[in-house]
Structure formats: C-alpha cells, structure tokens
C-alpha cells in the first residue's frame, strides 16, 4: 500500500498539483487551493499541532500518512513532512489509499 501512496504522491508532483512545506501549505489552505493535507508520521509534534490548527481554521482535517519524511523525499526530491494536494481527484485518491491502509492495520 505504501508503494501506491508514494506513486500517487509522485504523480501529484509531476502534475504540478503538490504543495510542500508548512508555509506553502498554509497559503494553499488560505487561498482555498488545497483539497487535502497530508502529514508524515515522523513530523515534529510542534509542526503537527501548528498545521492541524491552521487546517481546522479552514475546515480541513489533515490525513496522517504511514510514511516517513525520508520516504517522501525519495519521490519528491525534498525532505518535507507536510503536503497538500491541489487537485480534487488526486486528493481523493490519496485520501482513499490512506484510509485503506488504516483499515488494513485493524
């Protein structure tokens, strides 16, 4: 399942529909461009709390990726723990993969 998530993140990056980093994701939320926000599992608690608060302000709930920043960096070329997808279809696909992965753990 992780491979499918990484593949989808790579597709978002190649399509130009991926926003990476705290400030850029916060701006995408404020302008209404972000359809979904994803957080890596090894994101610092302070960053997680801050971006979650911003997401709540804009009515968006972030998804917890079962991926670490180094795995994401291999695909997108930059080490980051906060991602936003600006395309509705790709956001829905990645969110579905995250949901399926959580169901597999139960």
PDB file of N, CA and C in Angstrom:
ATOM      1  N   UNK A   1       0.818  -1.187   0.000  1.00  0.00           N
ATOM      2  CA  UNK A   1       0.000   0.000   0.000  1.00  0.00           C
ATOM      3  C   UNK A   1       0.869   1.262   0.000  1.00  0.00           C
ATOM      4  N   UNK A   2       2.018   1.188   0.706  1.00  0.00           N
ATOM      5  CA  UNK A   2       2.909   2.345   0.729  1.00  0.00           C
ATOM      6  C   UNK A   2       3.399   2.692  -0.666  1.00  0.00           C
ATOM      7  N   UNK A   3       3.655   1.666  -1.484  1.00  0.00           N
ATOM      8  CA  UNK A   3       4.126   1.912  -2.843  1.00  0.00           C
ATOM      9  C   UNK A   3       3.091   2.676  -3.656  1.00  0.00           C
ATOM     10  N   UNK A   4       1.823   2.333  -3.484  1.00  0.00           N
ATOM     11  CA  UNK A   4       0.757   3.046  -4.201  1.00  0.00           C
ATOM     12  C   UNK A   4       0.664   4.494  -3.741  1.00  0.00           C
ATOM     13  N   UNK A   5       0.828   4.720  -2.432  1.00  0.00           N
ATOM     14  CA  UNK A   5       0.803   6.092  -1.909  1.00  0.00           C
ATOM     15  C   UNK A   5       1.958   6.902  -2.471  1.00  0.00           C
ATOM     16  N   UNK A   6       3.147   6.316  -2.441  1.00  0.00           N
ATOM     17  CA  UNK A   6       4.320   7.011  -2.963  1.00  0.00           C
ATOM     18  C   UNK A   6       4.172   7.287  -4.454  1.00  0.00           C
ATOM     19  N   UNK A   7       3.606   6.349  -5.182  1.00  0.00           N
ATOM     20  CA  UNK A   7       3.371   6.525  -6.611  1.00  0.00           C
ATOM     21  C   UNK A   7       2.392   7.661  -6.869  1.00  0.00           C
ATOM     22  N   UNK A   8       1.341   7.727  -6.077  1.00  0.00           N
ATOM     23  CA  UNK A   8       0.344   8.791  -6.225  1.00  0.00           C
ATOM     24  C   UNK A   8       0.944  10.149  -5.863  1.00  0.00           C
ATOM     25  N   UNK A   9       1.762  10.201  -4.824  1.00  0.00           N
ATOM     26  CA  UNK A   9       2.434  11.448  -4.457  1.00  0.00           C
ATOM     27  C   UNK A   9       3.348  11.898  -5.596  1.00  0.00           C
ATOM     28  N   UNK A  10       4.062  10.947  -6.194  1.00  0.00           N
ATOM     29  CA  UNK A  10       4.913  11.259  -7.337  1.00  0.00           C
ATOM     30  C   UNK A  10       4.118  11.781  -8.516  1.00  0.00           C
ATOM     31  N   UNK A  11       2.954  11.205  -8.758  1.00  0.00           N
ATOM     32  CA  UNK A  11       2.074  11.661  -9.833  1.00  0.00           C
ATOM     33  C   UNK A  11       1.612  13.096  -9.574  1.00  0.00           C
ATOM     34  N   UNK A  12       1.247  13.373  -8.326  1.00  0.00           N
ATOM     35  CA  UNK A  12       0.835  14.737  -7.958  1.00  0.00           C
ATOM     36  C   UNK A  12       1.975  15.724  -8.205  1.00  0.00           C
ATOM     37  N   UNK A  13       3.183  15.330  -7.858  1.00  0.00           N
ATOM     38  CA  UNK A  13       4.360  16.182  -8.046  1.00  0.00           C
ATOM     39  C   UNK A  13       4.593  16.460  -9.530  1.00  0.00           C
ATOM     40  N   UNK A  14       4.555  15.409 -10.346  1.00  0.00           N
ATOM     41  CA  UNK A  14       4.783  15.572 -11.785  1.00  0.00           C
ATOM     42  C   UNK A  14       3.688  16.405 -12.439  1.00  0.00           C
ATOM     43  N   UNK A  15       2.471  16.302 -11.921  1.00  0.00           N
ATOM     44  CA  UNK A  15       1.346  17.065 -12.472  1.00  0.00           C
ATOM     45  C   UNK A  15       1.326  18.513 -11.977  1.00  0.00           C
ATOM     46  N   UNK A  16       2.207  18.840 -11.035  1.00  0.00           N
ATOM     47  CA  UNK A  16       2.230  20.198 -10.502  1.00  0.00           C
ATOM     48  C   UNK A  16       1.099  20.473  -9.530  1.00  0.00           C
ATOM     49  N   UNK A  17       0.569  19.436  -8.929  1.00  0.00           N
ATOM     50  CA  UNK A  17      -0.567  19.559  -8.018  1.00  0.00           C
ATOM     51  C   UNK A  17      -0.201  19.269  -6.571  1.00  0.00           C
ATOM     52  N   UNK A  18       1.098  19.320  -6.255  1.00  0.00           N
ATOM     53  CA  UNK A  18       1.567  19.035  -4.908  1.00  0.00           C
ATOM     54  C   UNK A  18       2.232  20.275  -4.324  1.00  0.00           C
ATOM     55  N   UNK A  19       1.793  20.657  -3.124  1.00  0.00           N
ATOM     56  CA  UNK A  19       2.379  21.779  -2.400  1.00  0.00           C
ATOM     57  C   UNK A  19       3.085  21.191  -1.189  1.00  0.00           C
ATOM     58  N   UNK A  20       4.347  21.629  -0.964  1.00  0.00           N
ATOM     59  CA  UNK A  20       5.153  21.028   0.096  1.00  0.00           C
ATOM     60  C   UNK A  20       5.674  22.090   1.050  1.00  0.00           C
ATOM     61  N   UNK A  21       5.642  21.777   2.343  1.00  0.00           N
ATOM     62  CA  UNK A  21       6.188  22.674   3.354  1.00  0.00           C
ATOM     63  C   UNK A  21       5.108  23.443   4.089  1.00  0.00           C
ATOM     64  N   UNK A  22       5.425  23.808   5.323  1.00  0.00           N
ATOM     65  CA  UNK A  22       4.454  24.446   6.211  1.00  0.00           C
ATOM     66  C   UNK A  22       3.862  25.723   5.614  1.00  0.00           C
ATOM     67  N   UNK A  23       4.719  26.660   5.225  1.00  0.00           N
ATOM     68  CA  UNK A  23       4.235  27.956   4.752  1.00  0.00           C
ATOM     69  C   UNK A  23       3.426  27.850   3.466  1.00  0.00           C
ATOM     70  N   UNK A  24       3.894  27.057   2.524  1.00  0.00           N
ATOM     71  CA  UNK A  24       3.186  26.921   1.255  1.00  0.00           C
ATOM     72  C   UNK A  24       1.838  26.217   1.425  1.00  0.00           C
ATOM     73  N   UNK A  25       1.805  25.219   2.304  1.00  0.00           N
ATOM     74  CA  UNK A  25       0.542  24.522   2.568  1.00  0.00           C
ATOM     75  C   UNK A  25      -0.438  25.470   3.275  1.00  0.00           C
ATOM     76  N   UNK A  26       0.054  26.258   4.229  1.00  0.00           N
ATOM     77  CA  UNK A  26      -0.807  27.225   4.920  1.00  0.00           C
ATOM     78  C   UNK A  26      -1.377  28.237   3.923  1.00  0.00           C
ATOM     79  N   UNK A  27      -0.556  28.702   2.982  1.00  0.00           N
ATOM     80  CA  UNK A  27      -1.036  29.630   1.949  1.00  0.00           C
ATOM     81  C   UNK A  27      -2.071  28.970   1.043  1.00  0.00           C
ATOM     82  N   UNK A  28      -1.839  27.701   0.673  1.00  0.00           N
ATOM     83  CA  UNK A  28      -2.784  26.972  -0.174  1.00  0.00           C
ATOM     84  C   UNK A  28      -4.122  26.789   0.539  1.00  0.00           C
ATOM     85  N   UNK A  29      -4.083  26.557   1.840  1.00  0.00           N
ATOM     86  CA  UNK A  29      -5.325  26.451   2.613  1.00  0.00           C
ATOM     87  C   UNK A  29      -6.049  27.794   2.645  1.00  0.00           C
ATOM     88  N   UNK A  30      -5.306  28.867   2.872  1.00  0.00           N
ATOM     89  CA  UNK A  30      -5.907  30.198   2.980  1.00  0.00           C
ATOM     90  C   UNK A  30      -6.542  30.648   1.669  1.00  0.00           C
ATOM     91  N   UNK A  31      -5.960  30.249   0.542  1.00  0.00           N
ATOM     92  CA  UNK A  31      -6.494  30.652  -0.754  1.00  0.00           C
ATOM     93  C   UNK A  31      -7.518  29.665  -1.301  1.00  0.00           C
ATOM     94  N   UNK A  32      -7.744  28.563  -0.582  1.00  0.00           N
ATOM     95  CA  UNK A  32      -8.735  27.579  -0.999  1.00  0.00           C
ATOM     96  C   UNK A  32      -8.242  26.623  -2.071  1.00  0.00           C
ATOM     97  N   UNK A  33      -6.946  26.599  -2.334  1.00  0.00           N
ATOM     98  CA  UNK A  33      -6.396  25.722  -3.368  1.00  0.00           C
ATOM     99  C   UNK A  33      -6.180  24.297  -2.875  1.00  0.00           C
ATOM    100  N   UNK A  34      -5.918  24.117  -1.599  1.00  0.00           N
ATOM    101  CA  UNK A  34      -5.624  22.778  -1.054  1.00  0.00           C
ATOM    102  C   UNK A  34      -6.913  21.989  -0.874  1.00  0.00           C
ATOM    103  N   UNK A  35      -6.955  20.807  -1.472  1.00  0.00           N
ATOM    104  CA  UNK A  35      -8.118  19.930  -1.308  1.00  0.00           C
ATOM    105  C   UNK A  35      -7.927  18.967  -0.151  1.00  0.00           C
ATOM    106  N   UNK A  36      -6.680  18.575   0.103  1.00  0.00           N
ATOM    107  CA  UNK A  36      -6.371  17.689   1.220  1.00  0.00           C
ATOM    108  C   UNK A  36      -4.959  17.973   1.702  1.00  0.00           C
ATOM    109  N   UNK A  37      -4.758  17.792   3.012  1.00  0.00           N
ATOM    110  CA  UNK A  37      -3.445  17.982   3.627  1.00  0.00           C
ATOM    111  C   UNK A  37      -3.023  16.647   4.217  1.00  0.00           C
ATOM    112  N   UNK A  38      -1.741  16.311   4.016  1.00  0.00           N
ATOM    113  CA  UNK A  38      -1.199  15.044   4.486  1.00  0.00           C
ATOM    114  C   UNK A  38       0.040  15.302   5.324  1.00  0.00           C
ATOM    115  N   UNK A  39       0.148  14.579   6.438  1.00  0.00           N
ATOM    116  CA  UNK A  39       1.273  14.745   7.359  1.00  0.00           C
ATOM    117  C   UNK A  39       2.036  13.433   7.480  1.00  0.00           C
ATOM    118  N   UNK A  40       3.357  13.513   7.408  1.00  0.00           N
ATOM    119  CA  UNK A  40       4.195  12.319   7.568  1.00  0.00           C
ATOM    120  C   UNK A  40       4.189  11.880   9.033  1.00  0.00           C
ATOM    121  N   UNK A  41       4.454  10.609   9.245  1.00  0.00           N
ATOM    122  CA  UNK A  41       4.368  10.048  10.597  1.00  0.00           C
ATOM    123  C   UNK A  41       5.471  10.546  11.524  1.00  0.00           C
ATOM    124  N   UNK A  42       6.599  10.995  10.975  1.00  0.00           N
ATOM    125  CA  UNK A  42       7.682  11.468  11.825  1.00  0.00           C
ATOM    126  C   UNK A  42       7.778  13.000  11.888  1.00  0.00           C
ATOM    127  N   UNK A  43       6.685  13.671  11.593  1.00  0.00           N
ATOM    128  CA  UNK A  43       6.620  15.127  11.698  1.00  0.00           C
ATOM    129  C   UNK A  43       6.719  15.524  13.171  1.00  0.00           C
ATOM    130  N   UNK A  44       7.412  16.616  13.443  1.00  0.00           N
ATOM    131  CA  UNK A  44       7.582  17.032  14.839  1.00  0.00           C
ATOM    132  C   UNK A  44       6.227  17.387  15.451  1.00  0.00           C
ATOM    133  N   UNK A  45       6.033  17.121  16.743  1.00  0.00           N
ATOM    134  CA  UNK A  45       4.762  17.427  17.400  1.00  0.00           C
ATOM    135  C   UNK A  45       4.380  18.914  17.284  1.00  0.00           C
ATOM    136  N   UNK A  46       5.369  19.800  17.352  1.00  0.00           N
ATOM    137  CA  UNK A  46       5.089  21.234  17.249  1.00  0.00           C
ATOM    138  C   UNK A  46       4.542  21.585  15.862  1.00  0.00           C
ATOM    139  N   UNK A  47       5.161  21.077  14.825  1.00  0.00           N
ATOM    140  CA  UNK A  47       4.690  21.342  13.461  1.00  0.00           C
ATOM    141  C   UNK A  47       3.316  20.725  13.232  1.00  0.00           C
ATOM    142  N   UNK A  48       3.126  19.519  13.752  1.00  0.00           N
ATOM    143  CA  UNK A  48       1.833  18.849  13.599  1.00  0.00           C
ATOM    144  C   UNK A  48       0.724  19.649  14.274  1.00  0.00           C
ATOM    145  N   UNK A  49       0.985  20.136  15.468  1.00  0.00           N
ATOM    146  CA  UNK A  49      -0.011  20.922  16.195  1.00  0.00           C
ATOM    147  C   UNK A  49      -0.327  22.220  15.452  1.00  0.00           C
ATOM    148  N   UNK A  50       0.698  22.887  14.954  1.00  0.00           N
ATOM    149  CA  UNK A  50       0.507  24.158  14.255  1.00  0.00           C
ATOM    150  C   UNK A  50      -0.278  23.990  12.965  1.00  0.00           C
ATOM    151  N   UNK A  51       0.094  23.002  12.135  1.00  0.00           N
ATOM    152  CA  UNK A  51      -0.607  22.835  10.857  1.00  0.00           C
ATOM    153  C   UNK A  51      -2.017  22.302  11.077  1.00  0.00           C
ATOM    154  N   UNK A  52      -2.216  21.488  12.107  1.00  0.00           N
ATOM    155  CA  UNK A  52      -3.563  20.986  12.410  1.00  0.00           C
ATOM    156  C   UNK A  52      -4.475  22.137  12.823  1.00  0.00           C
ATOM    157  N   UNK A  53      -3.935  23.075  13.600  1.00  0.00           N
ATOM    158  CA  UNK A  53      -4.712  24.246  13.998  1.00  0.00           C
ATOM    159  C   UNK A  53      -5.108  25.080  12.776  1.00  0.00           C
ATOM    160  N   UNK A  54      -4.173  25.274  11.864  1.00  0.00           N
ATOM    161  CA  UNK A  54      -4.459  26.034  10.645  1.00  0.00           C
ATOM    162  C   UNK A  54      -5.488  25.304   9.785  1.00  0.00           C
ATOM    163  N   UNK A  55      -5.348  23.984   9.687  1.00  0.00           N
ATOM    164  CA  UNK A  55      -6.321  23.192   8.923  1.00  0.00           C
ATOM    165  C   UNK A  55      -7.720  23.340   9.503  1.00  0.00           C
ATOM    166  N   UNK A  56      -7.825  23.292  10.826  1.00  0.00           N
ATOM    167  CA  UNK A  56      -9.132  23.432  11.471  1.00  0.00           C
ATOM    168  C   UNK A  56      -9.737  24.804  11.204  1.00  0.00           C
ATOM    169  N   UNK A  57      -8.900  25.842  11.174  1.00  0.00           N
ATOM    170  CA  UNK A  57      -9.394  27.186  10.877  1.00  0.00           C
ATOM    171  C   UNK A  57     -10.049  27.250   9.497  1.00  0.00           C
ATOM    172  N   UNK A  58      -9.517  26.480   8.554  1.00  0.00           N
ATOM    173  CA  UNK A  58     -10.021  26.496   7.185  1.00  0.00           C
ATOM    174  C   UNK A  58     -10.935  25.316   6.896  1.00  0.00           C
ATOM    175  N   UNK A  59     -11.334  24.575   7.922  1.00  0.00           N
ATOM    176  CA  UNK A  59     -12.308  23.493   7.759  1.00  0.00           C
ATOM    177  C   UNK A  59     -11.769  22.254   7.066  1.00  0.00           C
ATOM    178  N   UNK A  60     -10.506  21.999   7.233  1.00  0.00           N
ATOM    179  CA  UNK A  60      -9.865  20.840   6.606  1.00  0.00           C
ATOM    180  C   UNK A  60      -9.243  19.968   7.694  1.00  0.00           C
ATOM    181  N   UNK A  61      -9.435  18.666   7.594  1.00  0.00           N
ATOM    182  CA  UNK A  61      -8.810  17.743   8.548  1.00  0.00           C
ATOM    183  C   UNK A  61      -7.620  17.076   7.866  1.00  0.00           C
ATOM    184  N   UNK A  62      -6.430  17.172   8.439  1.00  0.00           N
ATOM    185  CA  UNK A  62      -5.260  16.555   7.803  1.00  0.00           C
ATOM    186  C   UNK A  62      -5.271  15.029   7.938  1.00  0.00           C
ATOM    187  N   UNK A  63      -4.705  14.374   6.945  1.00  0.00           N
ATOM    188  CA  UNK A  63      -4.569  12.923   6.952  1.00  0.00           C
ATOM    189  C   UNK A  63      -3.169  12.562   7.441  1.00  0.00           C
ATOM    190  N   UNK A  64      -3.075  11.500   8.229  1.00  0.00           N
ATOM    191  CA  UNK A  64      -1.783  11.018   8.719  1.00  0.00           C
ATOM    192  C   UNK A  64      -1.269   9.943   7.763  1.00  0.00           C
ATOM    193  N   UNK A  65      -0.192  10.260   7.065  1.00  0.00           N
ATOM    194  CA  UNK A  65       0.416   9.286   6.158  1.00  0.00           C
ATOM    195  C   UNK A  65       1.223   8.263   6.955  1.00  0.00           C
ATOM    196  N   UNK A  66       1.170   6.999   6.568  1.00  0.00           N
ATOM    197  CA  UNK A  66       2.015   5.999   7.231  1.00  0.00           C
ATOM    198  C   UNK A  66       3.415   5.968   6.603  1.00  0.00           C
ATOM    199  N   UNK A  67       3.902   7.127   6.229  1.00  0.00           N
ATOM    200  CA  UNK A  67       5.199   7.281   5.577  1.00  0.00           C
ATOM    201  C   UNK A  67       6.060   8.230   6.393  1.00  0.00           C
ATOM    202  N   UNK A  68       7.367   8.044   6.322  1.00  0.00           N
ATOM    203  CA  UNK A  68       8.284   8.979   6.977  1.00  0.00           C
ATOM    204  C   UNK A  68       8.803   9.964   5.934  1.00  0.00           C
ATOM    205  N   UNK A  69       9.364  11.070   6.416  1.00  0.00           N
ATOM    206  CA  UNK A  69       9.818  12.135   5.520  1.00  0.00           C
ATOM    207  C   UNK A  69      10.858  11.651   4.513  1.00  0.00           C
ATOM    208  N   UNK A  70      11.732  10.749   4.917  1.00  0.00           N
ATOM    209  CA  UNK A  70      12.758  10.256   4.001  1.00  0.00           C
ATOM    210  C   UNK A  70      12.159   9.476   2.836  1.00  0.00           C
ATOM    211  N   UNK A  71      11.079   8.737   3.086  1.00  0.00           N
ATOM    212  CA  UNK A  71      10.400   8.011   2.004  1.00  0.00           C
ATOM    213  C   UNK A  71       9.793   8.989   1.008  1.00  0.00           C
ATOM    214  N   UNK A  72       9.174  10.040   1.520  1.00  0.00           N
ATOM    215  CA  UNK A  72       8.564  11.053   0.656  1.00  0.00           C
ATOM    216  C   UNK A  72       9.650  11.807  -0.115  1.00  0.00           C
ATOM    217  N   UNK A  73      10.772  12.082   0.548  1.00  0.00           N
ATOM    218  CA  UNK A  73      11.877  12.808  -0.091  1.00  0.00           C
ATOM    219  C   UNK A  73      12.425  12.049  -1.298  1.00  0.00           C
ATOM    220  N   UNK A  74      12.428  10.732  -1.233  1.00  0.00           N
ATOM    221  CA  UNK A  74      12.909   9.932  -2.368  1.00  0.00           C
ATOM    222  C   UNK A  74      12.049  10.164  -3.605  1.00  0.00           C
ATOM    223  N   UNK A  75      10.773  10.470  -3.412  1.00  0.00           N
ATOM    224  CA  UNK A  75       9.845  10.649  -4.529  1.00  0.00           C
ATOM    225  C   UNK A  75       9.801  12.104  -5.002  1.00  0.00           C
ATOM    226  N   UNK A  76       9.732  13.039  -4.074  1.00  0.00           N
ATOM    227  CA  UNK A  76       9.532  14.447  -4.451  1.00  0.00           C
ATOM    228  C   UNK A  76      10.829  15.243  -4.535  1.00  0.00           C
ATOM    229  N   UNK A  77      11.929  14.682  -4.063  1.00  0.00           N
ATOM    230  CA  UNK A  77      13.210  15.348  -4.170  1.00  0.00           C
ATOM    231  C   UNK A  77      13.496  16.380  -3.100  1.00  0.00           C
ATOM    232  N   UNK A  78      12.680  16.400  -2.072  1.00  0.00           N
ATOM    233  CA  UNK A  78      12.860  17.364  -0.985  1.00  0.00           C
ATOM    234  C   UNK A  78      12.308  16.758   0.300  1.00  0.00           C
ATOM    235  N   UNK A  79      13.016  16.918   1.382  1.00  0.00           N
ATOM    236  CA  UNK A  79      12.572  16.355   2.664  1.00  0.00           C
ATOM    237  C   UNK A  79      11.525  17.273   3.279  1.00  0.00           C
ATOM    238  N   UNK A  80      10.313  16.793   3.359  1.00  0.00           N
ATOM    239  CA  UNK A  80       9.218  17.566   3.919  1.00  0.00           C
ATOM    240  C   UNK A  80       8.222  16.625   4.581  1.00  0.00           C
ATOM    241  N   UNK A  81       7.537  17.117   5.592  1.00  0.00           N
ATOM    242  CA  UNK A  81       6.570  16.289   6.302  1.00  0.00           C
ATOM    243  C   UNK A  81       5.140  16.762   6.151  1.00  0.00           C
ATOM    244  N   UNK A  82       4.959  17.901   5.456  1.00  0.00           N
ATOM    245  CA  UNK A  82       3.621  18.473   5.279  1.00  0.00           C
ATOM    246  C   UNK A  82       3.374  18.633   3.785  1.00  0.00           C
ATOM    247  N   UNK A  83       2.315  17.998   3.304  1.00  0.00           N
ATOM    248  CA  UNK A  83       1.972  18.023   1.885  1.00  0.00           C
ATOM    249  C   UNK A  83       0.521  18.419   1.710  1.00  0.00           C
ATOM    250  N   UNK A  84       0.230  19.110   0.610  1.00  0.00           N
ATOM    251  CA  UNK A  84      -1.156  19.396   0.247  1.00  0.00           C
ATOM    252  C   UNK A  84      -1.327  19.086  -1.228  1.00  0.00           C
ATOM    253  N   UNK A  85      -2.473  18.532  -1.590  1.00  0.00           N
ATOM    254  CA  UNK A  85      -2.785  18.226  -2.980  1.00  0.00           C
ATOM    255  C   UNK A  85      -3.833  19.229  -3.449  1.00  0.00           C
ATOM    256  N   UNK A  86      -3.566  19.853  -4.604  1.00  0.00           N
ATOM    257  CA  UNK A  86      -4.449  20.917  -5.093  1.00  0.00           C
ATOM    258  C   UNK A  86      -5.411  20.444  -6.178  1.00  0.00           C
ATOM    259  N   UNK A  87      -5.449  19.168  -6.464  1.00  0.00           N
ATOM    260  CA  UNK A  87      -6.384  18.605  -7.429  1.00  0.00           C
ATOM    261  C   UNK A  87      -7.364  17.705  -6.681  1.00  0.00           C
ATOM    262  N   UNK A  88      -8.654  17.919  -6.908  1.00  0.00           N
ATOM    263  CA  UNK A  88      -9.676  17.177  -6.158  1.00  0.00           C
ATOM    264  C   UNK A  88      -9.593  15.670  -6.390  1.00  0.00           C
ATOM    265  N   UNK A  89      -9.404  15.240  -7.616  1.00  0.00           N
ATOM    266  CA  UNK A  89      -9.353  13.817  -7.926  1.00  0.00           C
ATOM    267  C   UNK A  89      -8.145  13.128  -7.317  1.00  0.00           C
ATOM    268  N   UNK A  90      -6.986  13.749  -7.459  1.00  0.00           N
ATOM    269  CA  UNK A  90      -5.772  13.168  -6.879  1.00  0.00           C
ATOM    270  C   UNK A  90      -5.825  13.171  -5.357  1.00  0.00           C
ATOM    271  N   UNK A  91      -6.405  14.228  -4.780  1.00  0.00           N
ATOM    272  CA  UNK A  91      -6.549  14.293  -3.322  1.00  0.00           C
ATOM    273  C   UNK A  91      -7.449  13.166  -2.828  1.00  0.00           C
ATOM    274  N   UNK A  92      -8.527  12.918  -3.550  1.00  0.00           N
ATOM    275  CA  UNK A  92      -9.458  11.853  -3.165  1.00  0.00           C
ATOM    276  C   UNK A  92      -8.788  10.481  -3.271  1.00  0.00           C
ATOM    277  N   UNK A  93      -7.997  10.294  -4.323  1.00  0.00           N
ATOM    278  CA  UNK A  93      -7.303   9.013  -4.496  1.00  0.00           C
ATOM    279  C   UNK A  93      -6.311   8.765  -3.361  1.00  0.00           C
ATOM    280  N   UNK A  94      -5.497   9.772  -3.043  1.00  0.00           N
ATOM    281  CA  UNK A  94      -4.509   9.604  -1.978  1.00  0.00           C
ATOM    282  C   UNK A  94      -5.192   9.420  -0.627  1.00  0.00           C
ATOM    283  N   UNK A  95      -6.257  10.165  -0.371  1.00  0.00           N
ATOM    284  CA  UNK A  95      -7.003  10.019   0.883  1.00  0.00           C
ATOM    285  C   UNK A  95      -7.601   8.615   0.985  1.00  0.00           C
ATOM    286  N   UNK A  96      -8.071   8.090  -0.122  1.00  0.00           N
ATOM    287  CA  UNK A  96      -8.617   6.722  -0.136  1.00  0.00           C
ATOM    288  C   UNK A  96      -7.552   5.686   0.171  1.00  0.00           C
ATOM    289  N   UNK A  97      -6.350   5.892  -0.361  1.00  0.00           N
ATOM    290  CA  UNK A  97      -5.256   4.966  -0.073  1.00  0.00           C
ATOM    291  C   UNK A  97      -4.871   5.013   1.399  1.00  0.00           C
ATOM    292  N   UNK A  98      -4.870   6.214   1.983  1.00  0.00           N
ATOM    293  CA  UNK A  98      -4.560   6.355   3.411  1.00  0.00           C
ATOM    294  C   UNK A  98      -5.629   5.649   4.236  1.00  0.00           C
ATOM    295  N   UNK A  99      -6.889   5.813   3.861  1.00  0.00           N
ATOM    296  CA  UNK A  99      -7.996   5.160   4.559  1.00  0.00           C
ATOM    297  C   UNK A  99      -7.906   3.651   4.467  1.00  0.00           C
ATOM    298  N   UNK A 100      -7.561   3.140   3.279  1.00  0.00           N
ATOM    299  CA  UNK A 100      -7.416   1.692   3.095  1.00  0.00           C
ATOM    300  C   UNK A 100      -6.274   1.144   3.924  1.00  0.00           C
ATOM    301  N   UNK A 101      -5.210   1.882   4.037  1.00  0.00           N
ATOM    302  CA  UNK A 101      -4.049   1.441   4.820  1.00  0.00           C
ATOM    303  C   UNK A 101      -4.409   1.352   6.300  1.00  0.00           C
ATOM    304  N   UNK A 102      -5.192   2.314   6.773  1.00  0.00           N
ATOM    305  CA  UNK A 102      -5.615   2.301   8.186  1.00  0.00           C
ATOM    306  C   UNK A 102      -6.522   1.110   8.454  1.00  0.00           C
ATOM    307  N   UNK A 103      -7.378   0.761   7.475  1.00  0.00           N
ATOM    308  CA  UNK A 103      -8.268  -0.388   7.647  1.00  0.00           C
ATOM    309  C   UNK A 103      -7.471  -1.681   7.665  1.00  0.00           C
ATOM    310  N   UNK A 104      -6.364  -1.744   6.905  1.00  0.00           N
ATOM    311  CA  UNK A 104      -5.531  -2.948   6.874  1.00  0.00           C
ATOM    312  C   UNK A 104      -4.890  -3.228   8.238  1.00  0.00           C
ATOM    313  N   UNK A 105      -4.633  -2.192   9.011  1.00  0.00           N
ATOM    314  CA  UNK A 105      -3.981  -2.370  10.303  1.00  0.00           C
ATOM    315  C   UNK A 105      -4.907  -2.967  11.355  1.00  0.00           C
ATOM    316  N   UNK A 106      -6.198  -2.809  11.187  1.00  0.00           N
ATOM    317  CA  UNK A 106      -7.162  -3.269  12.194  1.00  0.00           C
ATOM    318  C   UNK A 106      -7.286  -4.769  12.191  1.00  0.00           C
TER     319      UNK A 106
END
